[in-house]
Amino acid sequence: MNLPELQNSRITEYKIPVSDGVITGVIDEADKTITVYIPFYYQLDVIDPQIKVSEGAKISEEILPVDVMSTNVTYTVTGAD
């Protein structure tokens, strides 16, 4: 079985702290997307994500709070590869 090689410069974790723990985003490397399902009972208007990247990588943009109605937030991950 031949699996595609993962790039070293990538987002490895996307979490949103909430009152009773964290909500974890689903990272899809193939589509280059992160999907987050936020239960309605949290009544969040804005999220403040905590993002981890692979060793030696960094996010080019400042990580700012995100409006939950926004569907297009872009993070550029750079590194050695």
Protein backbone atom coordinates (compact mmCIF):
# COMPACT_ATOMS: atom_id res chain seq x y z
CA MET A 1 0.00 0.00 0.00
CA ASN A 2 1.48 3.32 -1.07
CA LEU A 3 0.34 6.22 1.04
CA PRO A 4 1.02 9.81 0.00
CA GLU A 5 3.85 11.46 1.88
CA LEU A 6 2.72 14.16 4.29
CA GLN A 7 4.33 17.56 4.09
CA ASN A 8 6.24 18.61 7.18
CA SER A 9 4.73 22.10 7.12
CA ARG A 10 1.16 21.51 8.20
CA ILE A 11 -1.43 22.21 10.87
CA THR A 12 -1.43 19.32 13.32
CA GLU A 13 -4.08 20.49 15.78
CA TYR A 14 -6.99 22.96 15.76
CA LYS A 15 -8.83 23.39 19.05
CA ILE A 16 -11.37 25.81 20.44
CA PRO A 17 -11.56 26.21 24.22
CA VAL A 18 -15.13 26.16 25.60
CA SER A 19 -16.58 26.26 29.10
CA ASP A 20 -16.43 22.49 29.65
CA GLY A 21 -13.36 21.51 27.62
CA VAL A 22 -12.39 21.92 23.98
CA ILE A 23 -13.90 21.46 20.54
CA THR A 24 -11.46 19.84 18.13
CA GLY A 25 -11.47 20.68 14.44
CA VAL A 26 -11.16 17.92 11.85
CA ILE A 27 -8.11 18.49 9.64
CA ASP A 28 -8.33 17.16 6.07
CA GLU A 29 -4.83 17.24 4.56
CA ALA A 30 -6.04 16.11 1.12
CA ASP A 31 -8.53 18.97 0.77
CA LYS A 32 -6.47 21.44 2.84
CA THR A 33 -9.49 22.19 5.05
CA ILE A 34 -10.41 22.27 8.72
CA THR A 35 -14.01 21.58 9.70
CA VAL A 36 -15.38 22.58 13.08
CA TYR A 37 -18.82 21.62 14.39
CA ILE A 38 -19.94 23.93 17.19
CA PRO A 39 -23.00 22.74 19.14
CA PHE A 40 -25.70 25.42 19.29
CA TYR A 41 -25.90 25.31 23.10
CA TYR A 42 -22.50 27.01 23.40
CA GLN A 43 -24.06 30.12 21.83
CA LEU A 44 -20.73 31.30 20.46
CA ASP A 45 -20.49 34.26 18.10
CA VAL A 46 -16.70 34.24 17.94
CA ILE A 47 -14.14 31.50 18.46
CA ASP A 48 -10.52 31.91 19.49
CA PRO A 49 -8.72 28.91 17.97
CA GLN A 50 -5.58 27.33 19.35
CA ILE A 51 -3.53 26.05 16.44
CA LYS A 52 -0.47 23.81 16.51
CA VAL A 53 1.77 23.20 13.52
CA SER A 54 4.43 20.62 12.78
CA GLU A 55 7.93 21.09 14.17
CA GLY A 56 9.85 23.79 12.30
CA ALA A 57 6.71 25.23 10.70
CA LYS A 58 4.91 28.48 11.43
CA ILE A 59 1.70 30.25 10.49
CA SER A 60 2.28 33.38 8.44
CA GLU A 61 -0.83 35.21 9.61
CA GLU A 62 -1.66 36.38 13.11
CA ILE A 63 -4.16 33.98 14.69
CA LEU A 64 -7.16 36.18 15.40
CA PRO A 65 -10.63 35.40 16.79
CA VAL A 66 -12.97 34.08 14.08
CA ASP A 67 -16.65 34.89 13.54
CA VAL A 68 -18.53 31.56 13.68
CA MET A 69 -20.55 32.54 10.59
CA SER A 70 -17.36 32.89 8.54
CA THR A 71 -16.68 29.96 6.24
CA ASN A 72 -13.44 31.15 4.68
CA VAL A 73 -10.53 31.76 7.00
CA THR A 74 -7.11 31.05 5.53
CA TYR A 75 -3.95 30.11 7.40
CA THR A 76 -0.66 29.85 5.51
CA VAL A 77 1.78 27.36 7.00
CA THR A 78 5.42 27.72 6.00
CA GLY A 79 8.52 25.74 6.84
CA ALA A 80 11.52 23.95 5.41
CA ASP A 81 9.50 22.10 2.78
